[in-house]
C-alpha atoms as a PDB file:
ATOM      1  CA  MET A   1      94.525 117.525  94.905  1.00  0.00           C
ATOM      2  CA  LYS A   2      97.889 119.260  94.757  1.00  0.00           C
ATOM      3  CA  ASP A   3     100.728 117.144  93.143  1.00  0.00           C
ATOM      4  CA  ASN A   4     103.280 116.119  95.863  1.00  0.00           C
ATOM      5  CA  LYS A   5     106.371 115.101  94.118  1.00  0.00           C
ATOM      6  CA  ALA A   6     108.177 114.003  97.328  1.00  0.00           C
ATOM      7  CA  ASN A   7     105.289 111.640  98.193  1.00  0.00           C
ATOM      8  CA  PRO A   8     102.867 111.468  95.286  1.00  0.00           C
ATOM      9  CA  LEU A   9     100.928 108.528  96.805  1.00  0.00           C
ATOM     10  CA  ARG A  10     100.972 110.088 100.347  1.00  0.00           C
ATOM     11  CA  LEU A  11     102.412 106.832 101.850  1.00  0.00           C
ATOM     12  CA  SER A  12     102.778 106.780 105.554  1.00  0.00           C
ATOM     13  CA  SER A  13     104.884 103.760 106.433  1.00  0.00           C
ATOM     14  CA  LEU A  14     105.951 100.279 105.511  1.00  0.00           C
ATOM     15  CA  ASN A  15     103.181  97.823 106.605  1.00  0.00           C
ATOM     16  CA  HIS A  16     104.550  94.416 105.989  1.00  0.00           C
ATOM     17  CA  ILE A  17     106.665  92.148 103.686  1.00  0.00           C
ATOM     18  CA  SER A  18     105.382  88.805 102.344  1.00  0.00           C
ATOM     19  CA  LEU A  19     107.628  85.808 102.175  1.00  0.00           C
ATOM     20  CA  VAL A  20     106.916  82.605 100.456  1.00  0.00           C
ATOM     21  CA  CYS A  21     108.253  79.676 102.501  1.00  0.00           C
ATOM     22  CA  LYS A  22     108.504  75.890 102.446  1.00  0.00           C
ATOM     23  CA  SER A  23     107.349  75.468 106.004  1.00  0.00           C
ATOM     24  CA  VAL A  24     105.297  78.162 107.777  1.00  0.00           C
ATOM     25  CA  GLU A  25     106.120  76.442 111.062  1.00  0.00           C
ATOM     26  CA  GLU A  26     109.930  76.518 110.599  1.00  0.00           C
ATOM     27  CA  SER A  27     109.854  80.090 109.344  1.00  0.00           C
ATOM     28  CA  ALA A  28     107.644  81.412 111.976  1.00  0.00           C
ATOM     29  CA  ASP A  29     110.000  79.778 114.517  1.00  0.00           C
ATOM     30  CA  PHE A  30     113.002  81.456 112.930  1.00  0.00           C
ATOM     31  CA  TYR A  31     111.260  84.961 112.940  1.00  0.00           C
ATOM     32  CA  GLN A  32     110.140  84.638 116.430  1.00  0.00           C
ATOM     33  CA  ASN A  33     113.173  82.980 118.064  1.00  0.00           C
ATOM     34  CA  VAL A  34     115.943  84.693 116.188  1.00  0.00           C
ATOM     35  CA  LEU A  35     114.441  88.145 115.266  1.00  0.00           C
ATOM     36  CA  GLY A  36     111.958  88.588 117.980  1.00  0.00           C
ATOM     37  CA  PHE A  37     108.737  88.805 115.957  1.00  0.00           C
ATOM     38  CA  VAL A  38     105.437  87.847 117.624  1.00  0.00           C
ATOM     39  CA  PRO A  39     102.524  86.036 115.978  1.00  0.00           C
ATOM     40  CA  VAL A  40      99.404  88.190 115.334  1.00  0.00           C
ATOM     41  CA  ARG A  41      95.933  87.224 114.241  1.00  0.00           C
ATOM     42  CA  ARG A  42      95.481  86.509 110.506  1.00  0.00           C
ATOM     43  CA  PRO A  43      92.107  86.786 108.739  1.00  0.00           C
ATOM     44  CA  GLY A  44      90.240  83.600 109.103  1.00  0.00           C
ATOM     45  CA  SER A  45      88.856  83.979 105.606  1.00  0.00           C
ATOM     46  CA  PHE A  46      92.258  83.040 104.070  1.00  0.00           C
ATOM     47  CA  ASP A  47      92.094  79.562 102.680  1.00  0.00           C
ATOM     48  CA  PHE A  48      95.798  79.006 102.401  1.00  0.00           C
ATOM     49  CA  ASP A  49      98.557  78.152 104.927  1.00  0.00           C
ATOM     50  CA  GLY A  50     100.439  81.068 106.365  1.00  0.00           C
ATOM     51  CA  ALA A  51     101.152  83.096 109.410  1.00  0.00           C
ATOM     52  CA  TRP A  52     101.402  86.830 110.378  1.00  0.00           C
ATOM     53  CA  LEU A  53     104.120  88.225 112.632  1.00  0.00           C
ATOM     54  CA  PHE A  54     104.795  91.728 113.900  1.00  0.00           C
ATOM     55  CA  GLY A  55     107.864  93.271 115.316  1.00  0.00           C
ATOM     56  CA  HIS A  56     110.064  96.223 115.049  1.00  0.00           C
ATOM     57  CA  GLY A  57     107.296  98.307 113.482  1.00  0.00           C
ATOM     58  CA  ILE A  58     106.561  95.990 110.514  1.00  0.00           C
ATOM     59  CA  GLY A  59     104.713  92.839 109.854  1.00  0.00           C
ATOM     60  CA  ILE A  60     106.003  89.733 108.103  1.00  0.00           C
ATOM     61  CA  HIS A  61     103.491  87.714 106.352  1.00  0.00           C
ATOM     62  CA  LEU A  62     104.575  84.069 105.839  1.00  0.00           C
ATOM     63  CA  LEU A  63     102.905  82.199 102.923  1.00  0.00           C
ATOM     64  CA  ARG A  64     103.413  78.497 102.342  1.00  0.00           C
ATOM     65  CA  SER A  65     104.531  77.824  98.835  1.00  0.00           C
ATOM     66  CA  ASP A  66     102.126  75.956  96.560  1.00  0.00           C
ATOM     67  CA  ASP A  67     104.999  73.750  95.600  1.00  0.00           C
ATOM     68  CA  PRO A  68     107.516  73.744  98.444  1.00  0.00           C
ATOM     69  CA  GLU A  69     109.824  71.025  97.129  1.00  0.00           C
ATOM     70  CA  THR A  70     110.652  73.023  94.025  1.00  0.00           C
ATOM     71  CA  MET A  71     111.577  76.201  95.821  1.00  0.00           C
ATOM     72  CA  PRO A  72     115.303  77.028  95.267  1.00  0.00           C
ATOM     73  CA  LYS A  73     117.364  77.646  98.340  1.00  0.00           C
ATOM     74  CA  LYS A  74     120.130  80.064  98.385  1.00  0.00           C
ATOM     75  CA  THR A  75     123.219  78.808 100.189  1.00  0.00           C
ATOM     76  CA  VAL A  76     125.762  81.612  99.272  1.00  0.00           C
ATOM     77  CA  ILE A  77     125.317  84.733 101.561  1.00  0.00           C
ATOM     78  CA  ASN A  78     125.674  87.626  99.066  1.00  0.00           C
ATOM     79  CA  PRO A  79     125.469  91.076 100.722  1.00  0.00           C
ATOM     80  CA  LYS A  80     124.212  92.474  97.230  1.00  0.00           C
ATOM     81  CA  ASP A  81     121.215  90.254  97.070  1.00  0.00           C
ATOM     82  CA  ASN A  82     117.683  91.147  98.023  1.00  0.00           C
ATOM     83  CA  HIS A  83     117.289  91.455 101.838  1.00  0.00           C
ATOM     84  CA  ILE A  84     115.612  93.243 104.812  1.00  0.00           C
ATOM     85  CA  SER A  85     117.755  95.057 107.171  1.00  0.00           C
ATOM     86  CA  PHE A  86     117.235  95.611 110.996  1.00  0.00           C
ATOM     87  CA  GLN A  87     118.985  98.245 112.920  1.00  0.00           C
ATOM     88  CA  CYS A  88     120.586  97.177 116.250  1.00  0.00           C
ATOM     89  CA  GLU A  89     122.243  98.812 119.207  1.00  0.00           C
ATOM     90  CA  ASN A  90     125.050  96.214 119.879  1.00  0.00           C
ATOM     91  CA  MET A  91     126.622  94.525 117.002  1.00  0.00           C
ATOM     92  CA  ALA A  92     129.088  92.416 119.132  1.00  0.00           C
ATOM     93  CA  MET A  93     126.126  91.041 121.129  1.00  0.00           C
ATOM     94  CA  VAL A  94     124.005  90.207 118.083  1.00  0.00           C
ATOM     95  CA  GLU A  95     127.077  88.502 116.332  1.00  0.00           C
ATOM     96  CA  LYS A  96     127.811  86.480 119.474  1.00  0.00           C
ATOM     97  CA  LYS A  97     124.055  85.371 119.718  1.00  0.00           C
ATOM     98  CA  LEU A  98     123.913  84.424 116.076  1.00  0.00           C
ATOM     99  CA  MET A  99     127.051  82.349 116.455  1.00  0.00           C
ATOM    100  CA  GLU A 100     125.660  80.642 119.516  1.00  0.00           C
ATOM    101  CA  MET A 101     122.612  79.677 117.412  1.00  0.00           C
ATOM    102  CA  GLY A 102     124.902  78.286 114.766  1.00  0.00           C
ATOM    103  CA  ILE A 103     123.707  80.689 111.982  1.00  0.00           C
ATOM    104  CA  ASP A 104     126.074  81.080 109.171  1.00  0.00           C
ATOM    105  CA  LEU A 105     126.834  84.665 108.487  1.00  0.00           C
ATOM    106  CA  VAL A 106     128.829  87.239 106.556  1.00  0.00           C
ATOM    107  CA  ARG A 107     130.342  90.075 108.378  1.00  0.00           C
ATOM    108  CA  GLN A 108     131.059  93.318 106.368  1.00  0.00           C
ATOM    109  CA  ARG A 109     132.164  96.869 107.232  1.00  0.00           C
ATOM    110  CA  VAL A 110     131.689 100.036 105.031  1.00  0.00           C
ATOM    111  CA  GLU A 111     133.060 103.520 105.659  1.00  0.00           C
ATOM    112  CA  GLU A 112     131.632 106.818 104.591  1.00  0.00           C
ATOM    113  CA  GLY A 113     133.497 110.037 105.420  1.00  0.00           C
ATOM    114  CA  GLY A 114     135.285 108.391 108.391  1.00  0.00           C
ATOM    115  CA  VAL A 115     132.037 106.856 109.755  1.00  0.00           C
ATOM    116  CA  TYR A 116     132.038 103.075 109.897  1.00  0.00           C
ATOM    117  CA  VAL A 117     128.932 100.846 109.416  1.00  0.00           C
ATOM    118  CA  ASP A 118     129.030  97.210 110.610  1.00  0.00           C
ATOM    119  CA  GLN A 119     126.721  94.682 108.838  1.00  0.00           C
ATOM    120  CA  LEU A 120     125.930  91.037 109.493  1.00  0.00           C
ATOM    121  CA  PHE A 121     124.144  89.081 106.766  1.00  0.00           C
ATOM    122  CA  PHE A 122     122.519  85.594 107.012  1.00  0.00           C
ATOM    123  CA  HIS A 123     119.688  83.636 105.611  1.00  0.00           C
ATOM    124  CA  ASP A 124     116.208  82.568 106.911  1.00  0.00           C
ATOM    125  CA  PRO A 125     115.200  78.838 106.621  1.00  0.00           C
ATOM    126  CA  ASP A 126     114.348  79.491 102.919  1.00  0.00           C
ATOM    127  CA  GLY A 127     117.305  81.419 101.951  1.00  0.00           C
ATOM    128  CA  PHE A 128     115.855  84.980 102.166  1.00  0.00           C
ATOM    129  CA  MET A 129     118.557  87.262 103.348  1.00  0.00           C
ATOM    130  CA  ILE A 130     118.497  89.243 106.595  1.00  0.00           C
ATOM    131  CA  GLU A 131     120.858  92.077 107.499  1.00  0.00           C
ATOM    132  CA  ILE A 132     121.677  93.450 111.008  1.00  0.00           C
ATOM    133  CA  CYS A 133     123.559  96.675 110.960  1.00  0.00           C
ATOM    134  CA  ASN A 134     124.324  99.788 112.899  1.00  0.00           C
ATOM    135  CA  CYS A 135     123.442 101.785 109.606  1.00  0.00           C
ATOM    136  CA  ASP A 136     122.070 104.823 111.728  1.00  0.00           C
ATOM    137  CA  ASN A 137     125.810 105.707 112.111  1.00  0.00           C
ATOM    138  CA  ILE A 138     125.493 107.350 108.708  1.00  0.00           C
ATOM    139  CA  PRO A 139     122.945 110.196 108.627  1.00  0.00           C
ATOM    140  CA  VAL A 140     120.158 110.057 105.891  1.00  0.00           C
ATOM    141  CA  VAL A 141     120.718 113.147 103.930  1.00  0.00           C
ATOM    142  CA  PRO A 142     118.404 114.118 101.018  1.00  0.00           C
ATOM    143  CA  LEU A 143     120.262 114.387  97.800  1.00  0.00           C
ATOM    144  CA  ALA A 144     118.458 117.620  96.595  1.00  0.00           C
ATOM    145  CA  GLY A 145     120.206 117.600  93.198  1.00  0.00           C
ATOM    146  CA  GLU A 146     123.513 115.816  94.116  1.00  0.00           C
ATOM    147  CA  VAL A 147     124.906 112.996  92.224  1.00  0.00           C
ATOM    148  CA  VAL A 148     124.097 109.581  93.771  1.00  0.00           C
ATOM    149  CA  ARG A 149     127.353 107.895  95.051  1.00  0.00           C
ATOM    150  CA  SER A 150     127.858 104.759  97.008  1.00  0.00           C
ATOM    151  CA  CYS A 151     129.882 103.980 100.080  1.00  0.00           C
ATOM    152  CA  SER A 152     133.394 102.653  99.868  1.00  0.00           C
ATOM    153  CA  ARG A 153     134.026  99.231 101.181  1.00  0.00           C
ATOM    154  CA  VAL A 154     136.618  98.811 103.953  1.00  0.00           C
ATOM    155  CA  ASN A 155     136.657  94.977 103.713  1.00  0.00           C
ATOM    156  CA  PRO A 156     136.496  94.356 100.080  1.00  0.00           C
ATOM    157  CA  GLN A 157     135.847  90.672 100.560  1.00  0.00           C
ATOM    158  CA  PRO A 158     133.121  89.853 102.992  1.00  0.00           C
ATOM    159  CA  GLN A 159     133.995  87.336 105.809  1.00  0.00           C
ATOM    160  CA  GLN A 160     131.724  84.325 105.742  1.00  0.00           C
ATOM    161  CA  ILE A 161     131.516  82.444 109.012  1.00  0.00           C
ATOM    162  CA  HIS A 162     130.239  78.761 109.165  1.00  0.00           C
ATOM    163  CA  LEU A 163     129.387  77.261 112.602  1.00  0.00           C
ATOM    164  CA  PRO A 164     128.006  74.001 113.566  1.00  0.00           C
ATOM    165  CA  VAL A 165     124.267  74.087 114.704  1.00  0.00           C
ATOM    166  CA  VAL A 166     124.121  74.243 118.511  1.00  0.00           C
ATOM    167  CA  GLN A 167     120.994  72.682 119.826  1.00  0.00           C
ATOM    168  CA  PRO A 168     119.592  74.495 123.069  1.00  0.00           C
END
């Protein structure tokens, strides 16, 4: 087998992420009704509470915590924390929908070479962070020997928005 430095394990795609949660039902509801995932069949041989969801080309596996009462919940939305990011076509529409749902979020904008990327950050029911962005505005360019550099921040302080929960 010839050594492939660009893809030594010959990976083909991201399959799923697993998230430990307090309530599988509450988290499944969030991922379905906020982010548009759909439930899919989970192996019946699993002897623990969980759910599998699929959408946007990836799976999310929800696993009920063995000790849900001791799970810490993050309340501060920190764009530099662990998160999963989703690309969208209309940031204004996404922000409006999230606000209508009463979801606290942080809005941020970064600039790279005159190109702007808008980002919205918010938490799932257990405090795992979600980002919605128009990140494809910045092309993905392999470094090929270049020094790694970061994007400059247009808004140095993220803007956190708190809204009352609106019941449908």
